[in-house]
Amino acid sequence: MAEVLAGSKFDWVLLDTEHSPNDVPIVHTQLMAFAGSESTPIVRPAWNDMVLIKRYLDIGAQTLLLPYVQSEQEAKSAVSYTRYPQQGVRGVAGATRAAGYGRTPDYLKRASGELCVLVQVETRKAVAALDAIAAVEGIDGVFIGPNDLAADLGHLGNWQHPDVWKVMEDCAKRIRKAGKAPGISWARTMVSAASTWASSSSPWGRTSACWSAARTRSPPSSGSKRVAARARCTGCISSRRLPSSLRPSRSPSGARTASRRR
């Protein structure tokens, strides 16, 4: 399945280990399937855990989506788990897949500049701390978990409740104000909301309910210089430009979509 998705020209594909029967060895093979792909694999560890994050980074993950971040300190810890000392606590290993099995001699020096750290805000406690979370240096984007947030707000299974919607839109405004990219998961049940989120007046900007903070990369062992340009949609991180190959296409109505390249 990973090989099928890798060749389907999606902008990004989530390799989930939080709610899926997936783990490090399987993700390793999935990342191999994405080597040379136009799609960016985003790995979601089961938890914001130092050991788990280290293992996924060592096998070549460059974009991580970390669940259930509740506070500024947890966001800072997330970043520190992805950085080598003195900037963080990531364990140092030489001949990893991420370092081209030793063929990328300057990997240790440039690794942090090639990573994208995304965190998930999923509870009332996290929403209260959102400004501080989004302000943490090294956090590239903040993801809203609509279903968990709805449950914590007392609307289990009903993320479309007006109270939940109001909180999510307020979160998006605050994330954008912090200069970070807001994101939200969307599946078949959420497609109807995409047209609203894609409007220029929406606090989500024109993200079409997708991530706009994913980074593109070259295969770890390719020997070519990795691309560390942060993808963005209009209104998100204005200092970076989205490569033309990654720009969201326009639907006949003019709304942008970024779920798949055409």
C-alpha atoms as a PDB file:
ATOM      1  CA  MET A   1       0.000   0.000   0.000  1.00  0.00           C
ATOM      2  CA  ALA A   2       2.851   2.414   0.780  1.00  0.00           C
ATOM      3  CA  GLU A   3       4.236   1.886  -2.724  1.00  0.00           C
ATOM      4  CA  VAL A   4       0.832   2.586  -4.242  1.00  0.00           C
ATOM      5  CA  LEU A   5       0.478   5.831  -2.295  1.00  0.00           C
ATOM      6  CA  ALA A   6       4.082   6.864  -2.969  1.00  0.00           C
ATOM      7  CA  GLY A   7       3.366   6.854  -6.693  1.00  0.00           C
ATOM      8  CA  SER A   8      -0.013   8.568  -6.471  1.00  0.00           C
ATOM      9  CA  LYS A   9       1.392  12.127  -6.380  1.00  0.00           C
ATOM     10  CA  PHE A  10      -0.245  13.180  -3.145  1.00  0.00           C
ATOM     11  CA  ASP A  11       1.467  16.191  -1.576  1.00  0.00           C
ATOM     12  CA  TRP A  12       1.947  14.201   1.630  1.00  0.00           C
ATOM     13  CA  VAL A  13       0.954  10.891   3.163  1.00  0.00           C
ATOM     14  CA  LEU A  14       0.527  10.240   6.881  1.00  0.00           C
ATOM     15  CA  LEU A  15       2.263   7.125   8.180  1.00  0.00           C
ATOM     16  CA  ASP A  16       0.348   6.700  11.406  1.00  0.00           C
ATOM     17  CA  THR A  17       1.472   4.657  14.388  1.00  0.00           C
ATOM     18  CA  GLU A  18      -0.851   6.189  16.998  1.00  0.00           C
ATOM     19  CA  HIS A  19      -4.152   4.680  15.868  1.00  0.00           C
ATOM     20  CA  SER A  20      -2.813   2.066  13.443  1.00  0.00           C
ATOM     21  CA  PRO A  21      -1.124  -1.334  13.941  1.00  0.00           C
ATOM     22  CA  ASN A  22       2.139   0.173  12.719  1.00  0.00           C
ATOM     23  CA  ASP A  23       5.584   0.365  14.324  1.00  0.00           C
ATOM     24  CA  VAL A  24       9.231   1.230  13.620  1.00  0.00           C
ATOM     25  CA  PRO A  25      10.194  -1.780  11.423  1.00  0.00           C
ATOM     26  CA  ILE A  26       7.079  -1.375   9.276  1.00  0.00           C
ATOM     27  CA  VAL A  27       7.531   2.395   8.976  1.00  0.00           C
ATOM     28  CA  HIS A  28      11.130   1.713   7.927  1.00  0.00           C
ATOM     29  CA  THR A  29       9.920  -0.241   4.899  1.00  0.00           C
ATOM     30  CA  GLN A  30       7.218   2.357   4.211  1.00  0.00           C
ATOM     31  CA  LEU A  31       9.817   5.127   4.127  1.00  0.00           C
ATOM     32  CA  MET A  32      11.871   3.030   1.728  1.00  0.00           C
ATOM     33  CA  ALA A  33       8.824   2.889  -0.536  1.00  0.00           C
ATOM     34  CA  PHE A  34       8.710   6.699  -0.530  1.00  0.00           C
ATOM     35  CA  ALA A  35      12.363   7.107  -1.540  1.00  0.00           C
ATOM     36  CA  GLY A  36      12.335   9.197  -4.706  1.00  0.00           C
ATOM     37  CA  SER A  37       8.590   9.840  -4.426  1.00  0.00           C
ATOM     38  CA  GLU A  38       7.063  13.259  -5.093  1.00  0.00           C
ATOM     39  CA  SER A  39       5.032  12.805  -1.902  1.00  0.00           C
ATOM     40  CA  THR A  40       6.325  13.728   1.550  1.00  0.00           C
ATOM     41  CA  PRO A  41       5.786  11.032   4.190  1.00  0.00           C
ATOM     42  CA  ILE A  42       4.702  12.413   7.564  1.00  0.00           C
ATOM     43  CA  VAL A  43       5.249  10.017  10.457  1.00  0.00           C
ATOM     44  CA  ARG A  44       3.009  10.192  13.503  1.00  0.00           C
ATOM     45  CA  PRO A  45       4.632   8.434  16.480  1.00  0.00           C
ATOM     46  CA  ALA A  46       2.326   6.888  19.042  1.00  0.00           C
ATOM     47  CA  TRP A  47       3.400   9.481  21.610  1.00  0.00           C
ATOM     48  CA  ASN A  48       5.594  12.532  22.136  1.00  0.00           C
ATOM     49  CA  ASP A  49       8.357  10.281  23.404  1.00  0.00           C
ATOM     50  CA  MET A  50      12.131  10.792  23.204  1.00  0.00           C
ATOM     51  CA  VAL A  51      12.972   7.193  22.344  1.00  0.00           C
ATOM     52  CA  LEU A  52      10.234   6.775  19.749  1.00  0.00           C
ATOM     53  CA  ILE A  53      11.140  10.062  18.056  1.00  0.00           C
ATOM     54  CA  LYS A  54      14.831   9.140  17.969  1.00  0.00           C
ATOM     55  CA  ARG A  55      14.073   5.825  16.306  1.00  0.00           C
ATOM     56  CA  TYR A  56      11.854   7.350  13.620  1.00  0.00           C
ATOM     57  CA  LEU A  57      14.394  10.070  12.863  1.00  0.00           C
ATOM     58  CA  ASP A  58      17.193   7.517  12.602  1.00  0.00           C
ATOM     59  CA  ILE A  59      15.311   5.513   9.967  1.00  0.00           C
ATOM     60  CA  GLY A  60      14.872   8.615   7.841  1.00  0.00           C
ATOM     61  CA  ALA A  61      11.661  10.375   8.897  1.00  0.00           C
ATOM     62  CA  GLN A  62      12.021  14.127   8.384  1.00  0.00           C
ATOM     63  CA  THR A  63       8.506  15.325   9.174  1.00  0.00           C
ATOM     64  CA  LEU A  64       6.893  14.260  12.450  1.00  0.00           C
ATOM     65  CA  LEU A  65       3.354  14.826  13.701  1.00  0.00           C
ATOM     66  CA  LEU A  66       3.410  14.524  17.494  1.00  0.00           C
ATOM     67  CA  PRO A  67       0.086  13.826  19.224  1.00  0.00           C
ATOM     68  CA  TYR A  68      -1.444  15.158  22.414  1.00  0.00           C
ATOM     69  CA  VAL A  69       0.880  18.055  23.166  1.00  0.00           C
ATOM     70  CA  GLN A  70      -0.658  19.812  26.162  1.00  0.00           C
ATOM     71  CA  SER A  71       1.711  22.595  27.182  1.00  0.00           C
ATOM     72  CA  GLU A  72       4.578  24.861  26.231  1.00  0.00           C
ATOM     73  CA  GLN A  73       6.989  22.566  28.072  1.00  0.00           C
ATOM     74  CA  GLU A  74       5.775  19.518  26.171  1.00  0.00           C
ATOM     75  CA  ALA A  75       6.236  21.417  22.903  1.00  0.00           C
ATOM     76  CA  LYS A  76       9.770  22.384  23.932  1.00  0.00           C
ATOM     77  CA  SER A  77      10.473  18.768  24.819  1.00  0.00           C
ATOM     78  CA  ALA A  78       9.195  17.669  21.408  1.00  0.00           C
ATOM     79  CA  VAL A  79      11.656  19.969  19.686  1.00  0.00           C
ATOM     80  CA  SER A  80      14.518  18.919  21.963  1.00  0.00           C
ATOM     81  CA  TYR A  81      13.908  15.249  21.093  1.00  0.00           C
ATOM     82  CA  THR A  82      14.644  16.071  17.441  1.00  0.00           C
ATOM     83  CA  ARG A  83      17.847  18.063  18.074  1.00  0.00           C
ATOM     84  CA  TYR A  84      21.318  16.837  18.893  1.00  0.00           C
ATOM     85  CA  PRO A  85      23.184  18.253  21.917  1.00  0.00           C
ATOM     86  CA  GLN A  86      23.704  21.088  22.759  1.00  0.00           C
ATOM     87  CA  GLN A  87      20.358  22.116  21.263  1.00  0.00           C
ATOM     88  CA  GLY A  88      18.531  18.973  22.346  1.00  0.00           C
ATOM     89  CA  VAL A  89      18.747  15.417  23.617  1.00  0.00           C
ATOM     90  CA  ARG A  90      18.548  13.281  20.478  1.00  0.00           C
ATOM     91  CA  GLY A  91      20.920  10.360  20.722  1.00  0.00           C
ATOM     92  CA  VAL A  92      23.825  10.347  18.270  1.00  0.00           C
ATOM     93  CA  ALA A  93      24.307   7.396  15.931  1.00  0.00           C
ATOM     94  CA  GLY A  94      26.591   7.430  12.906  1.00  0.00           C
ATOM     95  CA  ALA A  95      25.586   4.928  10.250  1.00  0.00           C
ATOM     96  CA  THR A  96      21.801   5.347  10.266  1.00  0.00           C
ATOM     97  CA  ARG A  97      19.509   5.402   7.256  1.00  0.00           C
ATOM     98  CA  ALA A  98      18.928   9.096   7.907  1.00  0.00           C
ATOM     99  CA  ALA A  99      22.665   9.698   7.442  1.00  0.00           C
ATOM    100  CA  GLY A 100      22.812   7.610   4.272  1.00  0.00           C
ATOM    101  CA  TYR A 101      24.376   4.788   6.296  1.00  0.00           C
ATOM    102  CA  GLY A 102      27.426   6.974   6.865  1.00  0.00           C
ATOM    103  CA  ARG A 103      27.607   8.384   3.341  1.00  0.00           C
ATOM    104  CA  THR A 104      26.387  11.828   4.404  1.00  0.00           C
ATOM    105  CA  PRO A 105      29.338  13.076   6.487  1.00  0.00           C
ATOM    106  CA  ASP A 106      27.774  16.410   7.487  1.00  0.00           C
ATOM    107  CA  TYR A 107      24.404  14.938   8.469  1.00  0.00           C
ATOM    108  CA  LEU A 108      24.846  15.617  12.179  1.00  0.00           C
ATOM    109  CA  LYS A 109      25.456  19.313  11.517  1.00  0.00           C
ATOM    110  CA  ARG A 110      22.591  19.910   9.137  1.00  0.00           C
ATOM    111  CA  ALA A 111      19.962  17.452  10.346  1.00  0.00           C
ATOM    112  CA  SER A 112      17.958  19.916  12.460  1.00  0.00           C
ATOM    113  CA  GLY A 113      17.557  22.274   9.499  1.00  0.00           C
ATOM    114  CA  GLU A 114      15.936  19.509   7.465  1.00  0.00           C
ATOM    115  CA  LEU A 115      13.269  18.518   9.966  1.00  0.00           C
ATOM    116  CA  CYS A 116       9.665  19.639  10.280  1.00  0.00           C
ATOM    117  CA  VAL A 117       8.057  19.313  13.714  1.00  0.00           C
ATOM    118  CA  LEU A 118       4.267  19.400  13.863  1.00  0.00           C
ATOM    119  CA  VAL A 119       2.295  19.057  17.091  1.00  0.00           C
ATOM    120  CA  GLN A 120      -1.315  18.196  17.776  1.00  0.00           C
ATOM    121  CA  VAL A 121      -3.635  20.214  20.029  1.00  0.00           C
ATOM    122  CA  GLU A 122      -6.533  18.001  21.083  1.00  0.00           C
ATOM    123  CA  THR A 123      -7.967  19.139  24.436  1.00  0.00           C
ATOM    124  CA  ARG A 124      -9.256  22.192  26.285  1.00  0.00           C
ATOM    125  CA  LYS A 125      -6.016  22.278  28.281  1.00  0.00           C
ATOM    126  CA  ALA A 126      -3.975  22.380  25.084  1.00  0.00           C
ATOM    127  CA  VAL A 127      -6.211  25.069  23.586  1.00  0.00           C
ATOM    128  CA  ALA A 128      -5.647  27.216  26.676  1.00  0.00           C
ATOM    129  CA  ALA A 129      -1.882  26.848  26.182  1.00  0.00           C
ATOM    130  CA  LEU A 130      -2.001  27.215  22.394  1.00  0.00           C
ATOM    131  CA  ASP A 131      -0.329  30.640  22.167  1.00  0.00           C
ATOM    132  CA  ALA A 132       2.641  29.414  24.186  1.00  0.00           C
ATOM    133  CA  ILE A 133       2.822  26.137  22.230  1.00  0.00           C
ATOM    134  CA  ALA A 134       2.777  27.894  18.865  1.00  0.00           C
ATOM    135  CA  ALA A 135       5.463  30.342  19.990  1.00  0.00           C
ATOM    136  CA  VAL A 136       8.008  27.609  20.717  1.00  0.00           C
ATOM    137  CA  GLU A 137      11.021  27.864  18.423  1.00  0.00           C
ATOM    138  CA  GLY A 138      11.313  24.746  16.298  1.00  0.00           C
ATOM    139  CA  ILE A 139       7.576  24.094  16.132  1.00  0.00           C
ATOM    140  CA  ASP A 140       6.696  24.447  12.439  1.00  0.00           C
ATOM    141  CA  GLY A 141       2.953  23.888  12.591  1.00  0.00           C
ATOM    142  CA  VAL A 142       0.083  23.078  14.934  1.00  0.00           C
ATOM    143  CA  PHE A 143      -2.475  20.446  14.061  1.00  0.00           C
ATOM    144  CA  ILE A 144      -5.999  20.503  15.513  1.00  0.00           C
ATOM    145  CA  GLY A 145      -7.392  17.089  16.430  1.00  0.00           C
ATOM    146  CA  PRO A 146     -11.116  17.670  15.813  1.00  0.00           C
ATOM    147  CA  ASN A 147     -12.474  14.403  17.152  1.00  0.00           C
ATOM    148  CA  ASP A 148     -10.484  14.360  20.390  1.00  0.00           C
ATOM    149  CA  LEU A 149     -11.181  18.051  20.910  1.00  0.00           C
ATOM    150  CA  ALA A 150     -14.896  17.487  20.349  1.00  0.00           C
ATOM    151  CA  ALA A 151     -14.873  14.682  22.917  1.00  0.00           C
ATOM    152  CA  ASP A 152     -13.097  16.830  25.493  1.00  0.00           C
ATOM    153  CA  LEU A 153     -15.599  19.622  24.890  1.00  0.00           C
ATOM    154  CA  GLY A 154     -18.445  17.224  25.647  1.00  0.00           C
ATOM    155  CA  HIS A 155     -19.465  16.472  22.054  1.00  0.00           C
ATOM    156  CA  LEU A 156     -18.128  12.959  21.512  1.00  0.00           C
ATOM    157  CA  GLY A 157     -18.409  11.953  17.848  1.00  0.00           C
ATOM    158  CA  ASN A 158     -19.703  15.365  16.779  1.00  0.00           C
ATOM    159  CA  TRP A 159     -16.780  17.533  15.679  1.00  0.00           C
ATOM    160  CA  GLN A 160     -19.251  19.562  13.582  1.00  0.00           C
ATOM    161  CA  HIS A 161     -21.005  20.928  16.655  1.00  0.00           C
ATOM    162  CA  PRO A 162     -21.036  24.762  16.555  1.00  0.00           C
ATOM    163  CA  ASP A 163     -19.140  24.984  19.850  1.00  0.00           C
ATOM    164  CA  VAL A 164     -16.354  22.767  18.495  1.00  0.00           C
ATOM    165  CA  TRP A 165     -16.262  24.643  15.198  1.00  0.00           C
ATOM    166  CA  LYS A 166     -15.928  27.957  17.034  1.00  0.00           C
ATOM    167  CA  VAL A 167     -12.986  26.702  19.091  1.00  0.00           C
ATOM    168  CA  MET A 168     -11.214  25.284  16.036  1.00  0.00           C
ATOM    169  CA  GLU A 169     -11.546  28.516  14.068  1.00  0.00           C
ATOM    170  CA  ASP A 170     -10.245  30.512  17.022  1.00  0.00           C
ATOM    171  CA  CYS A 171      -7.285  28.124  17.245  1.00  0.00           C
ATOM    172  CA  ALA A 172      -6.504  28.629  13.570  1.00  0.00           C
ATOM    173  CA  LYS A 173      -6.449  32.400  14.006  1.00  0.00           C
ATOM    174  CA  ARG A 174      -4.092  32.148  16.962  1.00  0.00           C
ATOM    175  CA  ILE A 175      -1.757  29.745  15.169  1.00  0.00           C
ATOM    176  CA  ARG A 176      -1.544  32.013  12.141  1.00  0.00           C
ATOM    177  CA  LYS A 177      -0.966  35.025  14.378  1.00  0.00           C
ATOM    178  CA  ALA A 178       2.047  33.195  15.802  1.00  0.00           C
ATOM    179  CA  GLY A 179       3.426  32.833  12.284  1.00  0.00           C
ATOM    180  CA  LYS A 180       2.964  29.079  12.215  1.00  0.00           C
ATOM    181  CA  ALA A 181       0.959  26.899   9.852  1.00  0.00           C
ATOM    182  CA  PRO A 182      -2.441  25.685  11.113  1.00  0.00           C
ATOM    183  CA  GLY A 183      -3.575  22.254  10.071  1.00  0.00           C
ATOM    184  CA  ILE A 184      -6.424  19.834  10.551  1.00  0.00           C
ATOM    185  CA  SER A 185      -7.039  16.260   9.521  1.00  0.00           C
ATOM    186  CA  TRP A 186      -9.792  15.605   7.070  1.00  0.00           C
ATOM    187  CA  ALA A 187     -11.299  12.465   5.694  1.00  0.00           C
ATOM    188  CA  ARG A 188     -14.394  11.603   3.739  1.00  0.00           C
ATOM    189  CA  THR A 189     -16.663  12.805   6.546  1.00  0.00           C
ATOM    190  CA  MET A 190     -14.919  16.193   6.566  1.00  0.00           C
ATOM    191  CA  VAL A 191     -14.833  16.930   2.833  1.00  0.00           C
ATOM    192  CA  SER A 192     -17.946  19.071   3.101  1.00  0.00           C
ATOM    193  CA  ALA A 193     -16.026  21.435   5.358  1.00  0.00           C
ATOM    194  CA  ALA A 194     -13.154  21.885   2.898  1.00  0.00           C
ATOM    195  CA  SER A 195     -14.934  24.538   0.851  1.00  0.00           C
ATOM    196  CA  THR A 196     -15.426  26.646   3.978  1.00  0.00           C
ATOM    197  CA  TRP A 197     -11.837  26.213   5.160  1.00  0.00           C
ATOM    198  CA  ALA A 198     -10.546  26.984   1.661  1.00  0.00           C
ATOM    199  CA  SER A 199     -12.214  30.396   1.501  1.00  0.00           C
ATOM    200  CA  SER A 200      -9.994  33.443   1.774  1.00  0.00           C
ATOM    201  CA  SER A 201     -12.055  34.701   4.716  1.00  0.00           C
ATOM    202  CA  SER A 202     -11.496  31.529   6.723  1.00  0.00           C
ATOM    203  CA  PRO A 203      -8.940  31.639   9.556  1.00  0.00           C
ATOM    204  CA  TRP A 204      -7.428  28.544   7.991  1.00  0.00           C
ATOM    205  CA  GLY A 205      -6.453  30.681   4.991  1.00  0.00           C
ATOM    206  CA  ARG A 206      -6.660  28.704   1.769  1.00  0.00           C
ATOM    207  CA  THR A 207      -5.286  25.482   3.172  1.00  0.00           C
ATOM    208  CA  SER A 208      -8.292  23.364   2.151  1.00  0.00           C
ATOM    209  CA  ALA A 209      -8.064  21.571   5.486  1.00  0.00           C
ATOM    210  CA  CYS A 210      -4.627  20.192   4.739  1.00  0.00           C
ATOM    211  CA  TRP A 211      -1.139  20.612   6.113  1.00  0.00           C
ATOM    212  CA  SER A 212       0.845  23.521   4.784  1.00  0.00           C
ATOM    213  CA  ALA A 213       3.964  22.923   6.832  1.00  0.00           C
ATOM    214  CA  ALA A 214       5.303  19.721   5.298  1.00  0.00           C
ATOM    215  CA  ARG A 215       8.838  19.738   4.021  1.00  0.00           C
ATOM    216  CA  THR A 216      10.018  17.996   0.895  1.00  0.00           C
ATOM    217  CA  ARG A 217      13.113  15.861   0.935  1.00  0.00           C
ATOM    218  CA  SER A 218      15.479  13.765  -1.146  1.00  0.00           C
ATOM    219  CA  PRO A 219      16.011  10.091  -0.279  1.00  0.00           C
ATOM    220  CA  PRO A 220      18.482   9.808   2.627  1.00  0.00           C
ATOM    221  CA  SER A 221      20.977   7.754   0.644  1.00  0.00           C
ATOM    222  CA  SER A 222      20.745   9.651  -2.643  1.00  0.00           C
ATOM    223  CA  GLY A 223      23.766  11.827  -1.958  1.00  0.00           C
ATOM    224  CA  SER A 224      21.972  14.860  -3.320  1.00  0.00           C
ATOM    225  CA  LYS A 225      21.323  17.906  -1.196  1.00  0.00           C
ATOM    226  CA  ARG A 226      18.055  17.603   0.666  1.00  0.00           C
ATOM    227  CA  VAL A 227      15.404  20.219   0.115  1.00  0.00           C
ATOM    228  CA  ALA A 228      14.329  21.872   3.343  1.00  0.00           C
ATOM    229  CA  ALA A 229      11.897  24.432   1.989  1.00  0.00           C
ATOM    230  CA  ARG A 230       8.778  24.658   4.094  1.00  0.00           C
ATOM    231  CA  ALA A 231       5.707  24.259   1.964  1.00  0.00           C
ATOM    232  CA  ARG A 232       3.028  26.833   2.543  1.00  0.00           C
ATOM    233  CA  CYS A 233      -0.327  28.021   1.320  1.00  0.00           C
ATOM    234  CA  THR A 234      -1.296  31.655   0.817  1.00  0.00           C
ATOM    235  CA  GLY A 235      -1.321  33.543   4.106  1.00  0.00           C
ATOM    236  CA  CYS A 236       0.806  31.025   5.965  1.00  0.00           C
ATOM    237  CA  ILE A 237       4.515  31.445   6.558  1.00  0.00           C
ATOM    238  CA  SER A 238       5.130  34.361   4.206  1.00  0.00           C
ATOM    239  CA  SER A 239       8.919  34.222   4.168  1.00  0.00           C
ATOM    240  CA  ARG A 240       8.926  30.928   2.292  1.00  0.00           C
ATOM    241  CA  ARG A 241       7.656  30.181  -1.206  1.00  0.00           C
ATOM    242  CA  LEU A 242       5.943  26.956  -2.192  1.00  0.00           C
ATOM    243  CA  PRO A 243       7.603  25.317  -5.219  1.00  0.00           C
ATOM    244  CA  SER A 244       5.361  25.379  -8.281  1.00  0.00           C
ATOM    245  CA  SER A 245       5.170  21.589  -8.299  1.00  0.00           C
ATOM    246  CA  LEU A 246       3.663  21.671  -4.809  1.00  0.00           C
ATOM    247  CA  ARG A 247       1.266  24.589  -5.220  1.00  0.00           C
ATOM    248  CA  PRO A 248      -2.336  23.647  -4.557  1.00  0.00           C
ATOM    249  CA  SER A 249      -4.404  23.451  -7.707  1.00  0.00           C
ATOM    250  CA  ARG A 250      -7.585  25.440  -8.180  1.00  0.00           C
ATOM    251  CA  SER A 251     -10.972  23.878  -8.509  1.00  0.00           C
ATOM    252  CA  PRO A 252     -13.471  25.311 -11.035  1.00  0.00           C
ATOM    253  CA  SER A 253     -14.928  27.414  -8.223  1.00  0.00           C
ATOM    254  CA  GLY A 254     -11.536  28.970  -7.534  1.00  0.00           C
ATOM    255  CA  ALA A 255     -11.010  27.269  -4.186  1.00  0.00           C
ATOM    256  CA  ARG A 256      -7.622  25.711  -3.675  1.00  0.00           C
ATOM    257  CA  THR A 257      -7.199  22.021  -3.056  1.00  0.00           C
ATOM    258  CA  ALA A 258      -3.999  20.411  -1.906  1.00  0.00           C
ATOM    259  CA  SER A 259      -4.992  16.817  -1.378  1.00  0.00           C
ATOM    260  CA  ARG A 260      -3.484  15.674  -4.659  1.00  0.00           C
ATOM    261  CA  ARG A 261      -1.395  17.145  -7.445  1.00  0.00           C
ATOM    262  CA  ARG A 262      -2.975  17.162 -10.866  1.00  0.00           C
END
